[in-house]
Amino acid sequence: MANPFSAVPTAYRVRATERWWYANCAWDAFGILGALDVDGTVESSCPDCGEPYAIEVSDARADAGDLLFHCLVPARHWWDDIVFT
């Protein structure tokens, strides 16, 4: 792992500049596009219902206005127990 990139396949795929990368989580998937400073697509599935989704990101903005990113742990404590987070 080299945040935000994953060295192994995960449920979070990112396509940009004609390449695919894997991210460790949804947050990191968007971080890949930010780190590369490119537009792209984030693909995964809903962890609740399993429905697949694809989100286009252009000019650092997602094409879906109804996105929700929910964490039970405040960001300042993510690395206290990253596996739980």
PDB file of N, CA and C in Angstrom:
ATOM      1  N   MET A   1       0.843  -1.174   0.000  1.00  0.00           N
ATOM      2  CA  MET A   1       0.000   0.000   0.000  1.00  0.00           C
ATOM      3  C   MET A   1       0.889   1.238   0.000  1.00  0.00           C
ATOM      4  N   ALA A   2       0.569   2.154  -0.864  1.00  0.00           N
ATOM      5  CA  ALA A   2       1.202   3.470  -0.893  1.00  0.00           C
ATOM      6  C   ALA A   2       0.060   4.469  -1.030  1.00  0.00           C
ATOM      7  N   ASN A   3      -0.460   4.866   0.124  1.00  0.00           N
ATOM      8  CA  ASN A   3      -1.665   5.714   0.115  1.00  0.00           C
ATOM      9  C   ASN A   3      -1.590   6.815  -0.926  1.00  0.00           C
ATOM     10  N   PRO A   4      -2.646   7.018  -1.685  1.00  0.00           N
ATOM     11  CA  PRO A   4      -3.950   6.357  -1.637  1.00  0.00           C
ATOM     12  C   PRO A   4      -4.055   5.107  -2.514  1.00  0.00           C
ATOM     13  N   PHE A   5      -2.956   4.636  -3.056  1.00  0.00           N
ATOM     14  CA  PHE A   5      -2.967   3.484  -3.957  1.00  0.00           C
ATOM     15  C   PHE A   5      -2.880   2.169  -3.190  1.00  0.00           C
ATOM     16  N   SER A   6      -3.548   1.138  -3.707  1.00  0.00           N
ATOM     17  CA  SER A   6      -3.447  -0.202  -3.160  1.00  0.00           C
ATOM     18  C   SER A   6      -2.601  -1.050  -4.095  1.00  0.00           C
ATOM     19  N   ALA A   7      -1.764  -1.899  -3.538  1.00  0.00           N
ATOM     20  CA  ALA A   7      -0.920  -2.780  -4.343  1.00  0.00           C
ATOM     21  C   ALA A   7      -1.639  -4.065  -4.735  1.00  0.00           C
ATOM     22  N   VAL A   8      -2.821  -4.281  -4.177  1.00  0.00           N
ATOM     23  CA  VAL A   8      -3.598  -5.491  -4.467  1.00  0.00           C
ATOM     24  C   VAL A   8      -4.995  -5.080  -4.928  1.00  0.00           C
ATOM     25  N   PRO A   9      -5.665  -5.917  -5.696  1.00  0.00           N
ATOM     26  CA  PRO A   9      -7.030  -5.595  -6.132  1.00  0.00           C
ATOM     27  C   PRO A   9      -7.974  -5.400  -4.939  1.00  0.00           C
ATOM     28  N   THR A  10      -8.821  -4.384  -5.062  1.00  0.00           N
ATOM     29  CA  THR A  10      -9.824  -4.092  -4.031  1.00  0.00           C
ATOM     30  C   THR A  10     -11.155  -3.818  -4.720  1.00  0.00           C
ATOM     31  N   ALA A  11     -12.156  -3.504  -3.942  1.00  0.00           N
ATOM     32  CA  ALA A  11     -13.488  -3.180  -4.481  1.00  0.00           C
ATOM     33  C   ALA A  11     -13.556  -1.768  -5.052  1.00  0.00           C
ATOM     34  N   TYR A  12     -12.473  -0.997  -4.931  1.00  0.00           N
ATOM     35  CA  TYR A  12     -12.477   0.404  -5.366  1.00  0.00           C
ATOM     36  C   TYR A  12     -11.511   0.577  -6.523  1.00  0.00           C
ATOM     37  N   ARG A  13     -12.074   0.716  -7.741  1.00  0.00           N
ATOM     38  CA  ARG A  13     -11.264   0.875  -8.949  1.00  0.00           C
ATOM     39  C   ARG A  13     -11.344   2.321  -9.432  1.00  0.00           C
ATOM     40  N   VAL A  14     -10.224   2.800  -9.913  1.00  0.00           N
ATOM     41  CA  VAL A  14     -10.146   4.173 -10.420  1.00  0.00           C
ATOM     42  C   VAL A  14      -9.556   4.122 -11.818  1.00  0.00           C
ATOM     43  N   ARG A  15     -10.254   4.747 -12.771  1.00  0.00           N
ATOM     44  CA  ARG A  15      -9.742   4.816 -14.143  1.00  0.00           C
ATOM     45  C   ARG A  15      -9.416   6.268 -14.463  1.00  0.00           C
ATOM     46  N   ALA A  16      -8.186   6.471 -14.925  1.00  0.00           N
ATOM     47  CA  ALA A  16      -7.754   7.811 -15.327  1.00  0.00           C
ATOM     48  C   ALA A  16      -6.562   7.661 -16.253  1.00  0.00           C
ATOM     49  N   THR A  17      -6.452   8.554 -17.189  1.00  0.00           N
ATOM     50  CA  THR A  17      -5.342   8.576 -18.157  1.00  0.00           C
ATOM     51  C   THR A  17      -5.088   7.203 -18.762  1.00  0.00           C
ATOM     52  N   GLU A  18      -6.195   6.526 -19.142  1.00  0.00           N
ATOM     53  CA  GLU A  18      -6.127   5.230 -19.827  1.00  0.00           C
ATOM     54  C   GLU A  18      -5.508   4.113 -18.977  1.00  0.00           C
ATOM     55  N   ARG A  19      -5.525   4.272 -17.652  1.00  0.00           N
ATOM     56  CA  ARG A  19      -5.005   3.245 -16.747  1.00  0.00           C
ATOM     57  C   ARG A  19      -6.006   2.992 -15.633  1.00  0.00           C
ATOM     58  N   TRP A  20      -5.882   1.846 -14.990  1.00  0.00           N
ATOM     59  CA  TRP A  20      -6.685   1.489 -13.824  1.00  0.00           C
ATOM     60  C   TRP A  20      -5.790   1.415 -12.597  1.00  0.00           C
ATOM     61  N   TRP A  21      -6.297   1.886 -11.480  1.00  0.00           N
ATOM     62  CA  TRP A  21      -5.634   1.716 -10.197  1.00  0.00           C
ATOM     63  C   TRP A  21      -6.658   1.191  -9.201  1.00  0.00           C
ATOM     64  N   TYR A  22      -6.171   0.594  -8.135  1.00  0.00           N
ATOM     65  CA  TYR A  22      -7.029   0.187  -7.026  1.00  0.00           C
ATOM     66  C   TYR A  22      -6.755   1.095  -5.835  1.00  0.00           C
ATOM     67  N   ALA A  23      -7.815   1.390  -5.110  1.00  0.00           N
ATOM     68  CA  ALA A  23      -7.702   2.195  -3.892  1.00  0.00           C
ATOM     69  C   ALA A  23      -8.066   1.323  -2.694  1.00  0.00           C
ATOM     70  N   ASN A  24      -7.623   1.736  -1.530  1.00  0.00           N
ATOM     71  CA  ASN A  24      -7.889   0.981  -0.310  1.00  0.00           C
ATOM     72  C   ASN A  24      -9.303   1.182   0.215  1.00  0.00           C
ATOM     73  N   CYS A  25      -9.927   2.295  -0.140  1.00  0.00           N
ATOM     74  CA  CYS A  25     -11.276   2.607   0.330  1.00  0.00           C
ATOM     75  C   CYS A  25     -11.869   3.673  -0.590  1.00  0.00           C
ATOM     76  N   ALA A  26     -13.121   4.017  -0.361  1.00  0.00           N
ATOM     77  CA  ALA A  26     -13.781   5.036  -1.187  1.00  0.00           C
ATOM     78  C   ALA A  26     -13.054   6.379  -1.086  1.00  0.00           C
ATOM     79  N   TRP A  27     -12.655   6.737   0.112  1.00  0.00           N
ATOM     80  CA  TRP A  27     -11.950   8.010   0.331  1.00  0.00           C
ATOM     81  C   TRP A  27     -10.668   8.038  -0.504  1.00  0.00           C
ATOM     82  N   ASP A  28      -9.903   6.956  -0.472  1.00  0.00           N
ATOM     83  CA  ASP A  28      -8.657   6.889  -1.233  1.00  0.00           C
ATOM     84  C   ASP A  28      -8.898   6.883  -2.741  1.00  0.00           C
ATOM     85  N   ALA A  29     -10.016   6.336  -3.183  1.00  0.00           N
ATOM     86  CA  ALA A  29     -10.315   6.321  -4.620  1.00  0.00           C
ATOM     87  C   ALA A  29     -10.349   7.745  -5.176  1.00  0.00           C
ATOM     88  N   PHE A  30     -11.011   8.627  -4.455  1.00  0.00           N
ATOM     89  CA  PHE A  30     -11.026  10.031  -4.883  1.00  0.00           C
ATOM     90  C   PHE A  30      -9.656  10.668  -4.684  1.00  0.00           C
ATOM     91  N   GLY A  31      -8.919  10.204  -3.688  1.00  0.00           N
ATOM     92  CA  GLY A  31      -7.571  10.711  -3.442  1.00  0.00           C
ATOM     93  C   GLY A  31      -6.609  10.396  -4.571  1.00  0.00           C
ATOM     94  N   ILE A  32      -6.808   9.264  -5.238  1.00  0.00           N
ATOM     95  CA  ILE A  32      -5.958   8.925  -6.387  1.00  0.00           C
ATOM     96  C   ILE A  32      -6.114   9.977  -7.476  1.00  0.00           C
ATOM     97  N   LEU A  33      -7.354  10.332  -7.773  1.00  0.00           N
ATOM     98  CA  LEU A  33      -7.572  11.361  -8.803  1.00  0.00           C
ATOM     99  C   LEU A  33      -6.973  12.691  -8.367  1.00  0.00           C
ATOM    100  N   GLY A  34      -7.087  13.010  -7.087  1.00  0.00           N
ATOM    101  CA  GLY A  34      -6.494  14.241  -6.578  1.00  0.00           C
ATOM    102  C   GLY A  34      -4.975  14.208  -6.634  1.00  0.00           C
ATOM    103  N   ALA A  35      -4.381  13.076  -6.261  1.00  0.00           N
ATOM    104  CA  ALA A  35      -2.924  12.957  -6.262  1.00  0.00           C
ATOM    105  C   ALA A  35      -2.356  13.071  -7.675  1.00  0.00           C
ATOM    106  N   LEU A  36      -3.088  12.515  -8.636  1.00  0.00           N
ATOM    107  CA  LEU A  36      -2.639  12.576 -10.028  1.00  0.00           C
ATOM    108  C   LEU A  36      -3.056  13.863 -10.720  1.00  0.00           C
ATOM    109  N   ASP A  37      -3.959  14.610 -10.073  1.00  0.00           N
ATOM    110  CA  ASP A  37      -4.497  15.855 -10.636  1.00  0.00           C
ATOM    111  C   ASP A  37      -5.091  15.626 -12.019  1.00  0.00           C
ATOM    112  N   VAL A  38      -5.977  14.589 -12.096  1.00  0.00           N
ATOM    113  CA  VAL A  38      -6.619  14.237 -13.358  1.00  0.00           C
ATOM    114  C   VAL A  38      -8.108  13.978 -13.133  1.00  0.00           C
ATOM    115  N   ASP A  39      -8.861  14.002 -14.234  1.00  0.00           N
ATOM    116  CA  ASP A  39     -10.248  13.571 -14.214  1.00  0.00           C
ATOM    117  C   ASP A  39     -10.272  12.050 -14.331  1.00  0.00           C
ATOM    118  N   GLY A  40     -11.371  11.436 -13.906  1.00  0.00           N
ATOM    119  CA  GLY A  40     -11.448   9.993 -14.023  1.00  0.00           C
ATOM    120  C   GLY A  40     -12.763   9.442 -13.520  1.00  0.00           C
ATOM    121  N   THR A  41     -12.793   8.130 -13.336  1.00  0.00           N
ATOM    122  CA  THR A  41     -13.992   7.422 -12.905  1.00  0.00           C
ATOM    123  C   THR A  41     -13.660   6.551 -11.703  1.00  0.00           C
ATOM    124  N   VAL A  42     -14.530   6.599 -10.698  1.00  0.00           N
ATOM    125  CA  VAL A  42     -14.422   5.732  -9.528  1.00  0.00           C
ATOM    126  C   VAL A  42     -15.532   4.700  -9.640  1.00  0.00           C
ATOM    127  N   GLU A  43     -15.169   3.418  -9.549  1.00  0.00           N
ATOM    128  CA  GLU A  43     -16.152   2.340  -9.618  1.00  0.00           C
ATOM    129  C   GLU A  43     -16.065   1.483  -8.370  1.00  0.00           C
ATOM    130  N   SER A  44     -17.226   1.104  -7.859  1.00  0.00           N
ATOM    131  CA  SER A  44     -17.295   0.199  -6.714  1.00  0.00           C
ATOM    132  C   SER A  44     -18.722  -0.294  -6.605  1.00  0.00           C
ATOM    133  N   SER A  45     -19.108  -0.700  -5.413  1.00  0.00           N
ATOM    134  CA  SER A  45     -20.490  -1.086  -5.157  1.00  0.00           C
ATOM    135  C   SER A  45     -20.872  -0.636  -3.753  1.00  0.00           C
ATOM    136  N   CYS A  46     -22.150  -0.462  -3.550  1.00  0.00           N
ATOM    137  CA  CYS A  46     -22.663  -0.022  -2.257  1.00  0.00           C
ATOM    138  C   CYS A  46     -22.375  -1.103  -1.214  1.00  0.00           C
ATOM    139  N   PRO A  47     -21.719  -0.755  -0.099  1.00  0.00           N
ATOM    140  CA  PRO A  47     -21.431  -1.767   0.910  1.00  0.00           C
ATOM    141  C   PRO A  47     -22.689  -2.267   1.627  1.00  0.00           C
ATOM    142  N   ASP A  48     -23.789  -1.533   1.506  1.00  0.00           N
ATOM    143  CA  ASP A  48     -25.041  -1.930   2.147  1.00  0.00           C
ATOM    144  C   ASP A  48     -25.842  -2.890   1.275  1.00  0.00           C
ATOM    145  N   CYS A  49     -26.107  -2.490   0.009  1.00  0.00           N
ATOM    146  CA  CYS A  49     -26.985  -3.291  -0.845  1.00  0.00           C
ATOM    147  C   CYS A  49     -26.249  -4.023  -1.966  1.00  0.00           C
ATOM    148  N   GLY A  50     -24.985  -3.665  -2.216  1.00  0.00           N
ATOM    149  CA  GLY A  50     -24.205  -4.331  -3.254  1.00  0.00           C
ATOM    150  C   GLY A  50     -24.407  -3.793  -4.652  1.00  0.00           C
ATOM    151  N   GLU A  51     -25.250  -2.773  -4.811  1.00  0.00           N
ATOM    152  CA  GLU A  51     -25.492  -2.213  -6.142  1.00  0.00           C
ATOM    153  C   GLU A  51     -24.239  -1.505  -6.658  1.00  0.00           C
ATOM    154  N   PRO A  52     -23.814  -1.817  -7.889  1.00  0.00           N
ATOM    155  CA  PRO A  52     -22.612  -1.175  -8.431  1.00  0.00           C
ATOM    156  C   PRO A  52     -22.865   0.299  -8.748  1.00  0.00           C
ATOM    157  N   TYR A  53     -21.802   1.070  -8.695  1.00  0.00           N
ATOM    158  CA  TYR A  53     -21.903   2.474  -9.083  1.00  0.00           C
ATOM    159  C   TYR A  53     -20.612   2.910  -9.764  1.00  0.00           C
ATOM    160  N   ALA A  54     -20.733   3.938 -10.568  1.00  0.00           N
ATOM    161  CA  ALA A  54     -19.589   4.567 -11.215  1.00  0.00           C
ATOM    162  C   ALA A  54     -19.788   6.068 -11.102  1.00  0.00           C
ATOM    163  N   ILE A  55     -18.777   6.762 -10.636  1.00  0.00           N
ATOM    164  CA  ILE A  55     -18.851   8.205 -10.437  1.00  0.00           C
ATOM    165  C   ILE A  55     -17.786   8.862 -11.291  1.00  0.00           C
ATOM    166  N   GLU A  56     -18.221   9.735 -12.163  1.00  0.00           N
ATOM    167  CA  GLU A  56     -17.299  10.502 -12.995  1.00  0.00           C
ATOM    168  C   GLU A  56     -16.843  11.728 -12.205  1.00  0.00           C
ATOM    169  N   VAL A  57     -15.546  11.987 -12.245  1.00  0.00           N
ATOM    170  CA  VAL A  57     -14.983  13.161 -11.583  1.00  0.00           C
ATOM    171  C   VAL A  57     -14.318  14.015 -12.644  1.00  0.00           C
ATOM    172  N   SER A  58     -14.748  15.263 -12.714  1.00  0.00           N
ATOM    173  CA  SER A  58     -14.211  16.202 -13.686  1.00  0.00           C
ATOM    174  C   SER A  58     -13.981  17.537 -12.990  1.00  0.00           C
ATOM    175  N   ASP A  59     -12.826  18.116 -13.190  1.00  0.00           N
ATOM    176  CA  ASP A  59     -12.460  19.371 -12.532  1.00  0.00           C
ATOM    177  C   ASP A  59     -12.652  19.284 -11.022  1.00  0.00           C
ATOM    178  N   ALA A  60     -12.263  18.153 -10.446  1.00  0.00           N
ATOM    179  CA  ALA A  60     -12.315  17.891  -8.999  1.00  0.00           C
ATOM    180  C   ALA A  60     -13.733  17.881  -8.439  1.00  0.00           C
ATOM    181  N   ARG A  61     -14.726  17.611  -9.291  1.00  0.00           N
ATOM    182  CA  ARG A  61     -16.119  17.540  -8.843  1.00  0.00           C
ATOM    183  C   ARG A  61     -16.751  16.248  -9.332  1.00  0.00           C
ATOM    184  N   ALA A  62     -17.460  15.588  -8.430  1.00  0.00           N
ATOM    185  CA  ALA A  62     -18.169  14.356  -8.779  1.00  0.00           C
ATOM    186  C   ALA A  62     -19.457  14.684  -9.504  1.00  0.00           C
ATOM    187  N   ASP A  63     -19.856  13.804 -10.436  1.00  0.00           N
ATOM    188  CA  ASP A  63     -21.079  14.042 -11.209  1.00  0.00           C
ATOM    189  C   ASP A  63     -22.339  13.655 -10.446  1.00  0.00           C
ATOM    190  N   ALA A  64     -22.207  13.109  -9.253  1.00  0.00           N
ATOM    191  CA  ALA A  64     -23.368  12.686  -8.457  1.00  0.00           C
ATOM    192  C   ALA A  64     -23.492  13.594  -7.239  1.00  0.00           C
ATOM    193  N   GLY A  65     -24.544  14.388  -7.205  1.00  0.00           N
ATOM    194  CA  GLY A  65     -24.753  15.322  -6.100  1.00  0.00           C
ATOM    195  C   GLY A  65     -25.339  14.682  -4.860  1.00  0.00           C
ATOM    196  N   ASP A  66     -25.754  13.423  -4.960  1.00  0.00           N
ATOM    197  CA  ASP A  66     -26.395  12.768  -3.828  1.00  0.00           C
ATOM    198  C   ASP A  66     -25.464  11.802  -3.094  1.00  0.00           C
ATOM    199  N   LEU A  67     -24.168  11.978  -3.254  1.00  0.00           N
ATOM    200  CA  LEU A  67     -23.209  11.088  -2.607  1.00  0.00           C
ATOM    201  C   LEU A  67     -23.209  11.306  -1.095  1.00  0.00           C
ATOM    202  N   LEU A  68     -22.961  10.222  -0.369  1.00  0.00           N
ATOM    203  CA  LEU A  68     -22.850  10.293   1.080  1.00  0.00           C
ATOM    204  C   LEU A  68     -21.641   9.468   1.486  1.00  0.00           C
ATOM    205  N   PHE A  69     -20.748  10.071   2.224  1.00  0.00           N
ATOM    206  CA  PHE A  69     -19.586   9.378   2.768  1.00  0.00           C
ATOM    207  C   PHE A  69     -19.729   9.429   4.275  1.00  0.00           C
ATOM    208  N   HIS A  70     -19.902   8.279   4.889  1.00  0.00           N
ATOM    209  CA  HIS A  70     -20.160   8.229   6.323  1.00  0.00           C
ATOM    210  C   HIS A  70     -19.103   7.407   7.035  1.00  0.00           C
ATOM    211  N   CYS A  71     -18.521   7.972   8.068  1.00  0.00           N
ATOM    212  CA  CYS A  71     -17.554   7.259   8.913  1.00  0.00           C
ATOM    213  C   CYS A  71     -18.023   7.340  10.348  1.00  0.00           C
ATOM    214  N   LEU A  72     -17.940   6.225  11.029  1.00  0.00           N
ATOM    215  CA  LEU A  72     -18.303   6.210  12.443  1.00  0.00           C
ATOM    216  C   LEU A  72     -17.233   6.853  13.312  1.00  0.00           C
ATOM    217  N   VAL A  73     -16.024   6.946  12.779  1.00  0.00           N
ATOM    218  CA  VAL A  73     -14.885   7.453  13.533  1.00  0.00           C
ATOM    219  C   VAL A  73     -14.502   8.830  12.989  1.00  0.00           C
ATOM    220  N   PRO A  74     -14.299   9.831  13.859  1.00  0.00           N
ATOM    221  CA  PRO A  74     -13.837  11.137  13.379  1.00  0.00           C
ATOM    222  C   PRO A  74     -12.488  11.007  12.659  1.00  0.00           C
ATOM    223  N   ALA A  75     -12.275  11.796  11.629  1.00  0.00           N
ATOM    224  CA  ALA A  75     -11.060  11.707  10.809  1.00  0.00           C
ATOM    225  C   ALA A  75      -9.789  11.787  11.649  1.00  0.00           C
ATOM    226  N   ARG A  76      -9.775  12.577  12.695  1.00  0.00           N
ATOM    227  CA  ARG A  76      -8.558  12.712  13.506  1.00  0.00           C
ATOM    228  C   ARG A  76      -8.184  11.414  14.222  1.00  0.00           C
ATOM    229  N   HIS A  77      -9.115  10.433  14.273  1.00  0.00           N
ATOM    230  CA  HIS A  77      -8.854   9.158  14.938  1.00  0.00           C
ATOM    231  C   HIS A  77      -8.783   7.972  13.969  1.00  0.00           C
ATOM    232  N   TRP A  78      -8.799   8.215  12.672  1.00  0.00           N
ATOM    233  CA  TRP A  78      -8.775   7.118  11.712  1.00  0.00           C
ATOM    234  C   TRP A  78      -7.581   6.202  11.914  1.00  0.00           C
ATOM    235  N   TRP A  79      -6.409   6.761  12.123  1.00  0.00           N
ATOM    236  CA  TRP A  79      -5.199   5.948  12.212  1.00  0.00           C
ATOM    237  C   TRP A  79      -4.989   5.351  13.603  1.00  0.00           C
ATOM    238  N   ASP A  80      -5.867   5.672  14.554  1.00  0.00           N
ATOM    239  CA  ASP A  80      -5.792   5.003  15.864  1.00  0.00           C
ATOM    240  C   ASP A  80      -6.032   3.502  15.699  1.00  0.00           C
ATOM    241  N   ASP A  81      -6.965   3.149  14.818  1.00  0.00           N
ATOM    242  CA  ASP A  81      -7.279   1.746  14.504  1.00  0.00           C
ATOM    243  C   ASP A  81      -7.819   1.719  13.068  1.00  0.00           C
ATOM    244  N   ILE A  82      -6.902   1.797  12.106  1.00  0.00           N
ATOM    245  CA  ILE A  82      -7.297   1.944  10.706  1.00  0.00           C
ATOM    246  C   ILE A  82      -8.100   0.764  10.198  1.00  0.00           C
ATOM    247  N   VAL A  83      -7.898  -0.423  10.719  1.00  0.00           N
ATOM    248  CA  VAL A  83      -8.667  -1.581  10.276  1.00  0.00           C
ATOM    249  C   VAL A  83     -10.123  -1.406  10.672  1.00  0.00           C
ATOM    250  N   PHE A  84     -10.399  -0.944  11.878  1.00  0.00           N
ATOM    251  CA  PHE A  84     -11.773  -0.694  12.302  1.00  0.00           C
ATOM    252  C   PHE A  84     -12.394   0.439  11.500  1.00  0.00           C
ATOM    253  N   THR A  85     -11.626   1.497  11.282  1.00  0.00           N
ATOM    254  CA  THR A  85     -12.131   2.656  10.570  1.00  0.00           C
ATOM    255  C   THR A  85     -12.573   2.244   9.188  1.00  0.00           C
TER     256      THR A  85
END
